[in-house]
C-alpha atoms as a PDB file:
ATOM      1  CA  MET A   1      -0.050  -0.047  -0.026  1.00  0.00           C
ATOM      2  CA  THR A   2       1.046   3.595  -0.703  1.00  0.00           C
ATOM      3  CA  GLY A   3       1.154   5.939   2.170  1.00  0.00           C
ATOM      4  CA  ASN A   4      -0.218   8.849   0.032  1.00  0.00           C
ATOM      5  CA  ARG A   5      -3.368   7.135  -1.196  1.00  0.00           C
ATOM      6  CA  VAL A   6      -6.684   8.509  -0.096  1.00  0.00           C
ATOM      7  CA  ARG A   7      -8.582   5.776   1.577  1.00  0.00           C
ATOM      8  CA  ALA A   8     -12.292   5.151   0.848  1.00  0.00           C
ATOM      9  CA  ALA A   9     -14.736   2.432   1.737  1.00  0.00           C
ATOM     10  CA  ALA A  10     -17.191   1.104  -0.773  1.00  0.00           C
ATOM     11  CA  LEU A  11     -20.750   1.182   0.539  1.00  0.00           C
ATOM     12  CA  SER A  12     -22.545  -0.501  -2.493  1.00  0.00           C
ATOM     13  CA  ILE A  13     -21.269  -2.309  -5.596  1.00  0.00           C
ATOM     14  CA  GLY A  14     -23.416  -2.810  -8.637  1.00  0.00           C
ATOM     15  CA  VAL A  15     -23.974  -6.307  -9.763  1.00  0.00           C
ATOM     16  CA  ASP A  16     -22.067  -5.627 -13.134  1.00  0.00           C
ATOM     17  CA  ALA A  17     -19.316  -3.914 -11.441  1.00  0.00           C
ATOM     18  CA  ARG A  18     -18.991  -6.714  -8.748  1.00  0.00           C
ATOM     19  CA  ALA A  19     -18.584  -9.278 -11.612  1.00  0.00           C
ATOM     20  CA  ALA A  20     -15.738  -7.300 -13.089  1.00  0.00           C
ATOM     21  CA  LEU A  21     -13.787  -6.901  -9.867  1.00  0.00           C
ATOM     22  CA  TRP A  22     -11.560 -10.101 -10.267  1.00  0.00           C
ATOM     23  CA  PRO A  23      -8.856 -10.637  -7.877  1.00  0.00           C
ATOM     24  CA  GLY A  24      -5.637  -9.785  -9.211  1.00  0.00           C
ATOM     25  CA  ALA A  25      -7.172  -7.973 -12.196  1.00  0.00           C
ATOM     26  CA  HIS A  26      -5.330  -4.909 -13.745  1.00  0.00           C
ATOM     27  CA  GLY A  27      -6.861  -2.199 -15.637  1.00  0.00           C
ATOM     28  CA  VAL A  28      -6.753   1.523 -16.622  1.00  0.00           C
ATOM     29  CA  VAL A  29      -8.490   4.768 -15.705  1.00  0.00           C
ATOM     30  CA  ILE A  30     -10.329   5.856 -18.870  1.00  0.00           C
ATOM     31  CA  ALA A  31     -12.216   8.937 -17.514  1.00  0.00           C
ATOM     32  CA  ALA A  32     -12.223  11.161 -14.385  1.00  0.00           C
ATOM     33  CA  PHE A  33     -14.853  13.532 -13.139  1.00  0.00           C
ATOM     34  CA  ARG A  34     -15.544  15.854 -10.296  1.00  0.00           C
ATOM     35  CA  ARG A  35     -17.390  13.047  -8.304  1.00  0.00           C
ATOM     36  CA  SER A  36     -16.313   9.932  -9.999  1.00  0.00           C
ATOM     37  CA  ALA A  37     -13.788   7.887 -12.268  1.00  0.00           C
ATOM     38  CA  CYS A  38     -14.378   5.230 -14.802  1.00  0.00           C
ATOM     39  CA  LEU A  39     -12.121   2.267 -15.115  1.00  0.00           C
ATOM     40  CA  ARG A  40     -11.596  -0.337 -17.867  1.00  0.00           C
ATOM     41  CA  LEU A  41     -10.999  -3.871 -16.352  1.00  0.00           C
ATOM     42  CA  PRO A  42     -10.736  -7.065 -18.122  1.00  0.00           C
ATOM     43  CA  GLY A  43     -14.336  -7.911 -16.786  1.00  0.00           C
ATOM     44  CA  GLY A  44     -15.790  -4.611 -18.076  1.00  0.00           C
ATOM     45  CA  VAL A  45     -16.032  -0.848 -17.302  1.00  0.00           C
ATOM     46  CA  VAL A  46     -16.978   0.176 -13.773  1.00  0.00           C
ATOM     47  CA  CYS A  47     -17.407   3.585 -12.250  1.00  0.00           C
ATOM     48  CA  ILE A  48     -16.249   4.557  -8.854  1.00  0.00           C
ATOM     49  CA  GLY A  49     -17.310   7.656  -7.008  1.00  0.00           C
ATOM     50  CA  ASP A  50     -19.149   9.233  -4.068  1.00  0.00           C
ATOM     51  CA  THR A  51     -22.722   8.592  -3.150  1.00  0.00           C
ATOM     52  CA  TRP A  52     -23.909  11.341  -5.407  1.00  0.00           C
ATOM     53  CA  ILE A  53     -23.772   9.025  -8.451  1.00  0.00           C
ATOM     54  CA  GLY A  54     -26.278   6.859  -6.973  1.00  0.00           C
ATOM     55  CA  GLU A  55     -26.668   2.980  -7.063  1.00  0.00           C
ATOM     56  CA  GLY A  56     -26.475   1.449 -10.616  1.00  0.00           C
ATOM     57  CA  PRO A  57     -25.217  -1.692 -12.177  1.00  0.00           C
ATOM     58  CA  ILE A  58     -21.585  -0.618 -12.857  1.00  0.00           C
ATOM     59  CA  ASN A  59     -21.216   1.845 -10.053  1.00  0.00           C
ATOM     60  CA  ILE A  60     -19.129   1.517  -6.935  1.00  0.00           C
ATOM     61  CA  LEU A  61     -20.344   3.928  -4.268  1.00  0.00           C
ATOM     62  CA  CYS A  62     -17.777   5.157  -1.756  1.00  0.00           C
ATOM     63  CA  GLN A  63     -18.106   6.991   1.485  1.00  0.00           C
ATOM     64  CA  ALA A  64     -17.582  10.644   1.117  1.00  0.00           C
ATOM     65  CA  ALA A  65     -13.877   9.855   0.619  1.00  0.00           C
ATOM     66  CA  PRO A  66     -11.899  10.868  -1.253  1.00  0.00           C
ATOM     67  CA  GLY A  67     -14.017  14.065  -0.528  1.00  0.00           C
ATOM     68  CA  ARG A  68     -12.204  15.944  -3.317  1.00  0.00           C
ATOM     69  CA  ASP A  69     -12.428  16.370  -7.094  1.00  0.00           C
ATOM     70  CA  TRP A  70     -11.577  13.013  -8.387  1.00  0.00           C
ATOM     71  CA  ARG A  71      -9.824  14.669 -11.266  1.00  0.00           C
ATOM     72  CA  GLU A  72      -7.273  15.979  -8.739  1.00  0.00           C
ATOM     73  CA  ILE A  73      -6.360  12.633  -7.499  1.00  0.00           C
ATOM     74  CA  VAL A  74      -6.775  10.081 -10.448  1.00  0.00           C
ATOM     75  CA  GLU A  75      -5.279  10.605 -13.731  1.00  0.00           C
ATOM     76  CA  VAL A  76      -6.653   9.321 -16.962  1.00  0.00           C
ATOM     77  CA  GLY A  77      -4.357   6.496 -18.201  1.00  0.00           C
ATOM     78  CA  ALA A  78      -3.297   5.554 -14.746  1.00  0.00           C
ATOM     79  CA  GLU A  79      -3.168   1.875 -13.651  1.00  0.00           C
ATOM     80  CA  ALA A  80      -6.040   0.354 -11.642  1.00  0.00           C
ATOM     81  CA  SER A  81      -5.657  -2.998  -9.837  1.00  0.00           C
ATOM     82  CA  ILE A  82      -7.542  -5.317  -7.544  1.00  0.00           C
ATOM     83  CA  ALA A  83      -5.370  -6.691  -4.669  1.00  0.00           C
ATOM     84  CA  GLY A  84      -7.345  -8.712  -2.155  1.00  0.00           C
ATOM     85  CA  ASP A  85     -10.353  -6.699  -1.137  1.00  0.00           C
ATOM     86  CA  LEU A  86      -8.901  -3.388  -2.362  1.00  0.00           C
ATOM     87  CA  LEU A  87      -9.361  -1.536  -5.393  1.00  0.00           C
ATOM     88  CA  LEU A  88      -5.942   0.387  -6.040  1.00  0.00           C
ATOM     89  CA  LEU A  89      -5.578   3.589  -8.013  1.00  0.00           C
ATOM     90  CA  PRO A  90      -2.661   5.801  -7.782  1.00  0.00           C
ATOM     91  CA  GLY A  91      -4.414   8.375  -5.486  1.00  0.00           C
ATOM     92  CA  VAL A  92      -7.073   6.098  -4.156  1.00  0.00           C
ATOM     93  CA  GLU A  93      -7.354   2.876  -1.967  1.00  0.00           C
ATOM     94  CA  ALA A  94     -10.831   1.528  -1.815  1.00  0.00           C
ATOM     95  CA  ALA A  95     -11.868  -1.213   0.404  1.00  0.00           C
ATOM     96  CA  LEU A  96     -14.496  -3.467  -1.485  1.00  0.00           C
ATOM     97  CA  THR A  97     -15.778  -5.465   1.623  1.00  0.00           C
ATOM     98  CA  PRO A  98     -18.125  -5.630   3.405  1.00  0.00           C
ATOM     99  CA  ALA A  99     -19.965  -3.523   0.693  1.00  0.00           C
ATOM    100  CA  GLY A 100     -23.282  -5.201  -0.499  1.00  0.00           C
ATOM    101  CA  THR A 101     -24.088  -5.848  -4.020  1.00  0.00           C
ATOM    102  CA  TRP A 102     -26.808  -3.797  -5.555  1.00  0.00           C
ATOM    103  CA  SER A 103     -29.158  -5.182  -8.269  1.00  0.00           C
ATOM    104  CA  PRO A 104     -32.645  -4.000  -9.112  1.00  0.00           C
ATOM    105  CA  ARG A 105     -35.510  -6.124  -7.695  1.00  0.00           C
ATOM    106  CA  PRO A 106     -37.719  -8.045 -10.215  1.00  0.00           C
ATOM    107  CA  PRO A 107     -40.252  -5.750 -11.584  1.00  0.00           C
ATOM    108  CA  PRO A 108     -43.931  -6.024 -10.335  1.00  0.00           C
ATOM    109  CA  ARG A 109     -46.379  -7.950 -12.383  1.00  0.00           C
ATOM    110  CA  THR A 110     -48.748  -5.785 -14.334  1.00  0.00           C
ATOM    111  CA  ASP A 111     -51.527  -5.893 -16.915  1.00  0.00           C
ATOM    112  CA  ALA A 112     -52.655  -3.783 -19.794  1.00  0.00           C
ATOM    113  CA  VAL A 113     -55.173  -1.882 -17.563  1.00  0.00           C
ATOM    114  CA  THR A 114     -52.781  -1.284 -14.810  1.00  0.00           C
ATOM    115  CA  LEU A 115     -50.001  -0.188 -17.080  1.00  0.00           C
ATOM    116  CA  ALA A 116     -52.229   2.178 -18.933  1.00  0.00           C
ATOM    117  CA  ALA A 117     -53.203   3.677 -15.512  1.00  0.00           C
ATOM    118  CA  GLY A 118     -49.586   4.047 -14.667  1.00  0.00           C
ATOM    119  CA  LEU A 119     -48.612   5.638 -17.986  1.00  0.00           C
ATOM    120  CA  SER A 120     -51.446   8.103 -17.508  1.00  0.00           C
ATOM    121  CA  ALA A 121     -50.330   8.929 -13.906  1.00  0.00           C
ATOM    122  CA  LEU A 122     -46.734   9.485 -15.224  1.00  0.00           C
ATOM    123  CA  ALA A 123     -47.910  11.873 -17.919  1.00  0.00           C
ATOM    124  CA  GLU A 124     -49.952  13.858 -15.287  1.00  0.00           C
ATOM    125  CA  GLU A 125     -47.146  13.960 -12.759  1.00  0.00           C
ATOM    126  CA  LEU A 126     -44.387  15.028 -15.144  1.00  0.00           C
ATOM    127  CA  PRO A 127     -42.810  18.404 -14.287  1.00  0.00           C
ATOM    128  CA  PRO A 128     -43.635  21.255 -16.571  1.00  0.00           C
ATOM    129  CA  ASP A 129     -39.930  22.030 -17.283  1.00  0.00           C
ATOM    130  CA  LEU A 130     -38.459  18.752 -18.582  1.00  0.00           C
ATOM    131  CA  PRO A 131     -34.784  19.199 -19.327  1.00  0.00           C
ATOM    132  CA  ALA A 132     -34.037  20.579 -22.826  1.00  0.00           C
ATOM    133  CA  GLY A 133     -31.394  19.170 -25.056  1.00  0.00           C
ATOM    134  CA  GLY A 134     -32.258  15.513 -24.781  1.00  0.00           C
ATOM    135  CA  LEU A 135     -35.043  12.982 -25.478  1.00  0.00           C
ATOM    136  CA  GLY A 136     -36.901  13.371 -22.082  1.00  0.00           C
ATOM    137  CA  VAL A 137     -39.024  15.899 -23.769  1.00  0.00           C
ATOM    138  CA  LEU A 138     -40.742  13.015 -25.670  1.00  0.00           C
ATOM    139  CA  LEU A 139     -42.441  12.213 -22.446  1.00  0.00           C
ATOM    140  CA  ALA A 140     -44.631  15.330 -22.957  1.00  0.00           C
ATOM    141  CA  PRO A 141     -47.033  15.905 -25.897  1.00  0.00           C
ATOM    142  CA  ASP A 142     -45.400  17.714 -28.811  1.00  0.00           C
ATOM    143  CA  GLY A 143     -42.003  17.553 -27.024  1.00  0.00           C
ATOM    144  CA  ALA A 144     -40.153  16.831 -30.090  1.00  0.00           C
ATOM    145  CA  ALA A 145     -41.320  20.063 -31.835  1.00  0.00           C
ATOM    146  CA  GLU A 146     -39.437  22.241 -29.314  1.00  0.00           C
ATOM    147  CA  ASP A 147     -36.027  20.460 -29.167  1.00  0.00           C
ATOM    148  CA  ASP A 148     -33.378  19.954 -31.814  1.00  0.00           C
ATOM    149  CA  VAL A 149     -32.175  16.514 -30.485  1.00  0.00           C
ATOM    150  CA  ALA A 150     -35.703  15.240 -30.160  1.00  0.00           C
ATOM    151  CA  ARG A 151     -36.486  16.427 -33.718  1.00  0.00           C
ATOM    152  CA  ALA A 152     -33.355  14.762 -35.009  1.00  0.00           C
ATOM    153  CA  ALA A 153     -34.455  11.535 -33.261  1.00  0.00           C
ATOM    154  CA  ALA A 154     -38.080  11.686 -34.289  1.00  0.00           C
ATOM    155  CA  PRO A 155     -37.740   9.678 -37.478  1.00  0.00           C
ATOM    156  CA  ALA A 156     -35.907   6.826 -35.694  1.00  0.00           C
ATOM    157  CA  VAL A 157     -38.275   6.867 -32.679  1.00  0.00           C
ATOM    158  CA  VAL A 158     -41.227   6.560 -35.069  1.00  0.00           C
ATOM    159  CA  ARG A 159     -39.798   3.552 -36.950  1.00  0.00           C
ATOM    160  CA  LEU A 160     -38.808   1.957 -33.563  1.00  0.00           C
ATOM    161  CA  ALA A 161     -42.381   2.476 -32.269  1.00  0.00           C
ATOM    162  CA  ALA A 162     -43.907   0.956 -35.368  1.00  0.00           C
ATOM    163  CA  TRP A 163     -41.766  -2.250 -34.879  1.00  0.00           C
ATOM    164  CA  LEU A 164     -42.572  -2.291 -31.178  1.00  0.00           C
ATOM    165  CA  GLY A 165     -46.295  -2.175 -32.046  1.00  0.00           C
ATOM    166  CA  ASP A 166     -46.058  -5.140 -34.288  1.00  0.00           C
ATOM    167  CA  GLY A 167     -47.509  -7.506 -31.712  1.00  0.00           C
ATOM    168  CA  VAL A 168     -46.647 -10.982 -30.507  1.00  0.00           C
ATOM    169  CA  GLY A 169     -45.373 -12.321 -33.822  1.00  0.00           C
ATOM    170  CA  CYS A 170     -42.684  -9.741 -34.215  1.00  0.00           C
ATOM    171  CA  ALA A 171     -42.860 -10.221 -37.923  1.00  0.00           C
ATOM    172  CA  GLN A 172     -41.259  -7.040 -39.005  1.00  0.00           C
ATOM    173  CA  ALA A 173     -37.504  -6.907 -39.442  1.00  0.00           C
ATOM    174  CA  PHE A 174     -35.824  -4.946 -36.513  1.00  0.00           C
ATOM    175  CA  PRO A 175     -35.221  -1.365 -37.804  1.00  0.00           C
ATOM    176  CA  GLU A 176     -31.375  -1.447 -37.538  1.00  0.00           C
ATOM    177  CA  ASP A 177     -31.113   1.953 -39.161  1.00  0.00           C
ATOM    178  CA  ALA A 178     -33.230   3.368 -36.323  1.00  0.00           C
ATOM    179  CA  ALA A 179     -30.865   2.024 -33.721  1.00  0.00           C
ATOM    180  CA  ARG A 180     -27.915   3.251 -35.504  1.00  0.00           C
ATOM    181  CA  SER A 181     -29.399   6.701 -35.786  1.00  0.00           C
ATOM    182  CA  LEU A 182     -30.084   6.828 -32.040  1.00  0.00           C
ATOM    183  CA  LEU A 183     -26.781   5.396 -30.949  1.00  0.00           C
ATOM    184  CA  GLY A 184     -24.451   8.223 -29.938  1.00  0.00           C
ATOM    185  CA  LEU A 185     -27.194  11.033 -30.605  1.00  0.00           C
ATOM    186  CA  GLY A 186     -27.231  13.876 -28.345  1.00  0.00           C
ATOM    187  CA  PRO A 187     -25.099  15.333 -25.449  1.00  0.00           C
ATOM    188  CA  GLY A 188     -23.611  13.796 -22.444  1.00  0.00           C
ATOM    189  CA  LEU A 189     -21.321  11.066 -21.451  1.00  0.00           C
ATOM    190  CA  THR A 190     -24.217   8.664 -22.060  1.00  0.00           C
ATOM    191  CA  PRO A 191     -25.926  10.332 -25.299  1.00  0.00           C
ATOM    192  CA  SER A 192     -29.631  10.753 -25.210  1.00  0.00           C
ATOM    193  CA  GLY A 193     -30.256   8.150 -27.893  1.00  0.00           C
ATOM    194  CA  ASP A 194     -28.271   5.657 -25.893  1.00  0.00           C
ATOM    195  CA  ASP A 195     -30.330   6.280 -22.724  1.00  0.00           C
ATOM    196  CA  PHE A 196     -33.482   6.104 -24.840  1.00  0.00           C
ATOM    197  CA  LEU A 197     -32.665   2.662 -26.107  1.00  0.00           C
ATOM    198  CA  ALA A 198     -31.613   1.535 -22.603  1.00  0.00           C
ATOM    199  CA  GLY A 199     -35.011   2.529 -21.299  1.00  0.00           C
ATOM    200  CA  VAL A 200     -36.697   0.588 -24.153  1.00  0.00           C
ATOM    201  CA  ALA A 201     -34.759  -2.424 -23.464  1.00  0.00           C
ATOM    202  CA  VAL A 202     -35.625  -2.438 -19.716  1.00  0.00           C
ATOM    203  CA  GLY A 203     -39.271  -1.849 -20.721  1.00  0.00           C
ATOM    204  CA  LEU A 204     -39.445  -4.743 -22.959  1.00  0.00           C
ATOM    205  CA  ARG A 205     -37.847  -6.923 -20.336  1.00  0.00           C
ATOM    206  CA  SER A 206     -40.048  -5.784 -17.666  1.00  0.00           C
ATOM    207  CA  LEU A 207     -43.206  -6.362 -19.698  1.00  0.00           C
ATOM    208  CA  GLY A 208     -42.175  -9.834 -20.817  1.00  0.00           C
ATOM    209  CA  ALA A 209     -41.806  -8.794 -24.490  1.00  0.00           C
ATOM    210  CA  HIS A 210     -38.894 -11.194 -24.758  1.00  0.00           C
ATOM    211  CA  ARG A 211     -39.006 -11.676 -28.627  1.00  0.00           C
ATOM    212  CA  HIS A 212     -38.685  -7.927 -29.283  1.00  0.00           C
ATOM    213  CA  HIS A 213     -36.169  -7.563 -26.467  1.00  0.00           C
ATOM    214  CA  ALA A 214     -33.897 -10.304 -27.947  1.00  0.00           C
ATOM    215  CA  ARG A 215     -33.909  -8.651 -31.351  1.00  0.00           C
ATOM    216  CA  LEU A 216     -33.274  -5.226 -30.000  1.00  0.00           C
ATOM    217  CA  ALA A 217     -30.468  -6.457 -27.737  1.00  0.00           C
ATOM    218  CA  GLU A 218     -28.769  -8.267 -30.599  1.00  0.00           C
ATOM    219  CA  ALA A 219     -28.701  -5.160 -32.773  1.00  0.00           C
ATOM    220  CA  VAL A 220     -27.718  -2.719 -30.128  1.00  0.00           C
ATOM    221  CA  ALA A 221     -25.035  -5.039 -28.837  1.00  0.00           C
ATOM    222  CA  ALA A 222     -23.546  -5.243 -32.316  1.00  0.00           C
ATOM    223  CA  LEU A 223     -23.794  -1.627 -33.063  1.00  0.00           C
ATOM    224  CA  ALA A 224     -22.684   0.066 -29.805  1.00  0.00           C
ATOM    225  CA  GLY A 225     -18.893  -0.515 -30.229  1.00  0.00           C
ATOM    226  CA  GLU A 226     -18.753   1.518 -33.348  1.00  0.00           C
ATOM    227  CA  CYS A 227     -21.563   4.035 -32.687  1.00  0.00           C
ATOM    228  CA  THR A 228     -21.089   5.305 -29.111  1.00  0.00           C
ATOM    229  CA  ASN A 229     -18.446   5.677 -26.572  1.00  0.00           C
ATOM    230  CA  GLU A 230     -17.075   2.988 -24.296  1.00  0.00           C
ATOM    231  CA  ILE A 231     -18.606   4.193 -21.050  1.00  0.00           C
ATOM    232  CA  SER A 232     -22.102   4.562 -22.531  1.00  0.00           C
ATOM    233  CA  ALA A 233     -21.743   1.222 -24.185  1.00  0.00           C
ATOM    234  CA  ALA A 234     -21.095  -0.414 -20.723  1.00  0.00           C
ATOM    235  CA  HIS A 235     -24.329   1.222 -19.368  1.00  0.00           C
ATOM    236  CA  LEU A 236     -26.174  -0.065 -22.428  1.00  0.00           C
ATOM    237  CA  ALA A 237     -24.844  -3.532 -21.944  1.00  0.00           C
ATOM    238  CA  ALA A 238     -26.200  -3.534 -18.289  1.00  0.00           C
ATOM    239  CA  ALA A 239     -29.549  -2.106 -19.579  1.00  0.00           C
ATOM    240  CA  LEU A 240     -29.813  -4.884 -22.081  1.00  0.00           C
ATOM    241  CA  ARG A 241     -29.556  -7.212 -19.045  1.00  0.00           C
ATOM    242  CA  GLY A 242     -32.475  -5.296 -17.477  1.00  0.00           C
ATOM    243  CA  ARG A 243     -30.553  -2.902 -15.308  1.00  0.00           C
ATOM    244  CA  LEU A 244     -30.665   0.961 -15.103  1.00  0.00           C
ATOM    245  CA  ARG A 245     -29.919   3.215 -12.184  1.00  0.00           C
ATOM    246  CA  ALA A 246     -31.711   2.533  -8.801  1.00  0.00           C
ATOM    247  CA  ASP A 247     -33.740   5.718  -8.841  1.00  0.00           C
ATOM    248  CA  LEU A 248     -35.108   4.921 -12.400  1.00  0.00           C
ATOM    249  CA  HIS A 249     -36.206   1.595 -11.341  1.00  0.00           C
ATOM    250  CA  LEU A 250     -38.160   3.148  -8.481  1.00  0.00           C
ATOM    251  CA  VAL A 251     -40.045   5.262 -11.114  1.00  0.00           C
ATOM    252  CA  ILE A 252     -40.486   2.330 -13.657  1.00  0.00           C
ATOM    253  CA  ASP A 253     -41.813  -0.058 -11.031  1.00  0.00           C
ATOM    254  CA  ALA A 254     -44.238   2.696  -9.740  1.00  0.00           C
ATOM    255  CA  VAL A 255     -45.586   2.978 -13.308  1.00  0.00           C
ATOM    256  CA  LEU A 256     -45.895  -0.838 -13.680  1.00  0.00           C
ATOM    257  CA  ALA A 257     -47.929  -0.781 -10.413  1.00  0.00           C
ATOM    258  CA  ALA A 258     -49.891   2.415 -11.101  1.00  0.00           C
ATOM    259  CA  ASP A 259     -48.677   3.868  -7.913  1.00  0.00           C
ATOM    260  CA  ARG A 260     -49.198   7.579  -8.292  1.00  0.00           C
ATOM    261  CA  GLY A 261     -47.553   8.638  -5.111  1.00  0.00           C
ATOM    262  CA  ALA A 262     -44.405   6.593  -5.767  1.00  0.00           C
ATOM    263  CA  ILE A 263     -44.472   7.950  -9.449  1.00  0.00           C
ATOM    264  CA  ALA A 264     -44.608  11.576  -8.095  1.00  0.00           C
ATOM    265  CA  SER A 265     -41.850  11.107  -5.369  1.00  0.00           C
ATOM    266  CA  GLY A 266     -39.605   9.238  -7.852  1.00  0.00           C
ATOM    267  CA  LEU A 267     -40.009  12.129 -10.454  1.00  0.00           C
ATOM    268  CA  ARG A 268     -39.210  14.719  -7.731  1.00  0.00           C
ATOM    269  CA  ARG A 269     -35.940  12.812  -7.013  1.00  0.00           C
ATOM    270  CA  LEU A 270     -34.921  12.805 -10.675  1.00  0.00           C
ATOM    271  CA  ARG A 271     -35.867  16.473 -11.001  1.00  0.00           C
ATOM    272  CA  ALA A 272     -33.361  17.356  -8.349  1.00  0.00           C
ATOM    273  CA  GLU A 273     -30.505  16.507 -10.760  1.00  0.00           C
ATOM    274  CA  ASP A 274     -29.207  18.668 -13.303  1.00  0.00           C
ATOM    275  CA  HIS A 275     -28.757  16.353 -16.403  1.00  0.00           C
ATOM    276  CA  HIS A 276     -30.995  14.762 -18.947  1.00  0.00           C
ATOM    277  CA  SER A 277     -29.919  11.057 -18.856  1.00  0.00           C
ATOM    278  CA  PRO A 278     -32.598   9.675 -16.601  1.00  0.00           C
ATOM    279  CA  TRP A 279     -35.335  11.493 -18.422  1.00  0.00           C
ATOM    280  CA  ASP A 280     -34.030  10.189 -21.704  1.00  0.00           C
ATOM    281  CA  ALA A 281     -34.160   6.578 -20.333  1.00  0.00           C
ATOM    282  CA  LEU A 282     -37.595   7.135 -18.895  1.00  0.00           C
ATOM    283  CA  ALA A 283     -38.772   8.283 -22.287  1.00  0.00           C
ATOM    284  CA  GLY A 284     -37.435   5.043 -23.778  1.00  0.00           C
ATOM    285  CA  PHE A 285     -39.258   2.932 -21.148  1.00  0.00           C
ATOM    286  CA  ALA A 286     -42.508   4.916 -21.758  1.00  0.00           C
ATOM    287  CA  ALA A 287     -42.264   4.246 -25.558  1.00  0.00           C
ATOM    288  CA  ALA A 288     -41.841   0.662 -24.899  1.00  0.00           C
ATOM    289  CA  ALA A 289     -44.762   0.583 -22.432  1.00  0.00           C
ATOM    290  CA  ARG A 290     -47.002   2.392 -24.637  1.00  0.00           C
ATOM    291  CA  ALA A 291     -46.334  -0.120 -27.505  1.00  0.00           C
ATOM    292  CA  CYS A 292     -47.037  -2.963 -24.983  1.00  0.00           C
ATOM    293  CA  CYS A 293     -50.300  -1.439 -24.107  1.00  0.00           C
ATOM    294  CA  GLY A 294     -51.220  -1.554 -27.692  1.00  0.00           C
ATOM    295  CA  GLY A 295     -49.704  -4.595 -29.656  1.00  0.00           C
ATOM    296  CA  LEU A 296     -47.806  -6.551 -27.155  1.00  0.00           C
ATOM    297  CA  ALA A 297     -50.235  -6.885 -24.248  1.00  0.00           C
ATOM    298  CA  ALA A 298     -50.337 -10.635 -24.873  1.00  0.00           C
ATOM    299  CA  THR A 299     -46.743 -11.133 -24.161  1.00  0.00           C
ATOM    300  CA  MET A 300     -46.905  -9.554 -20.697  1.00  0.00           C
ATOM    301  CA  GLY A 301     -45.888 -11.921 -17.981  1.00  0.00           C
ATOM    302  CA  GLU A 302     -44.451 -14.461 -20.400  1.00  0.00           C
ATOM    303  CA  LEU A 303     -41.336 -15.900 -19.075  1.00  0.00           C
ATOM    304  CA  ALA A 304     -38.179 -16.406 -21.361  1.00  0.00           C
END
């Protein structure tokens, strides 16, 4: 151990991050931000940071330590390694035990009537000032008309919605051009189009639309490496397995259960943040759920 490393204690480790923390593994820091750093390990990309980043599939949440801007203590390109129960970076030593492993709970069972009620409650509880510059505006009527990113995404979203509404048979070919158009589209470390597709994927899994989900997952997994950045691709891979951020799952589960109070409180929590990613993903989930209410209702609850 190095005497000048800042010591931190992991409080929660996402299930996909846990799977990547192989004893003896060596990796590299690929990004550093004010409250977190992203590492490439042989088992996948993980994000370590303070509790502000929230629980999620690839996240390692630490106590307030290091308590400083991560960019000041972790350099991009620096080596990362796992030694015993420690994650070692040049400026940080993070104890990985006895932190628990976070994974979303199985979604509540729903039916077309309950889901329709949940989507209606979601629409009624939306804040009046959805973040601009992403696809969250698609949650509101005519949102695309007021936003450049949403307008650019609209043709792909329409093609994807038509495919989603194809029903149990899933007869139409997957619109690969729509996925390609959405991947990498928009601002942010996880671009809006990526987050939207992540929400669609989780929505399809949650609603038992497994044929549609399998086709979406195959296409997105094949395209992500060339169409978006490495960190966003890692988040997308987790979403294809049914895993988003913890706060998004709270809203999604509330919609599935038509729990208006939980929807309202979940949206207030999202609104406290200053970025568009959760709203983009929620818009993708809503798009999938609306399709399920129409053409895919018969697949709800069907197990893979």
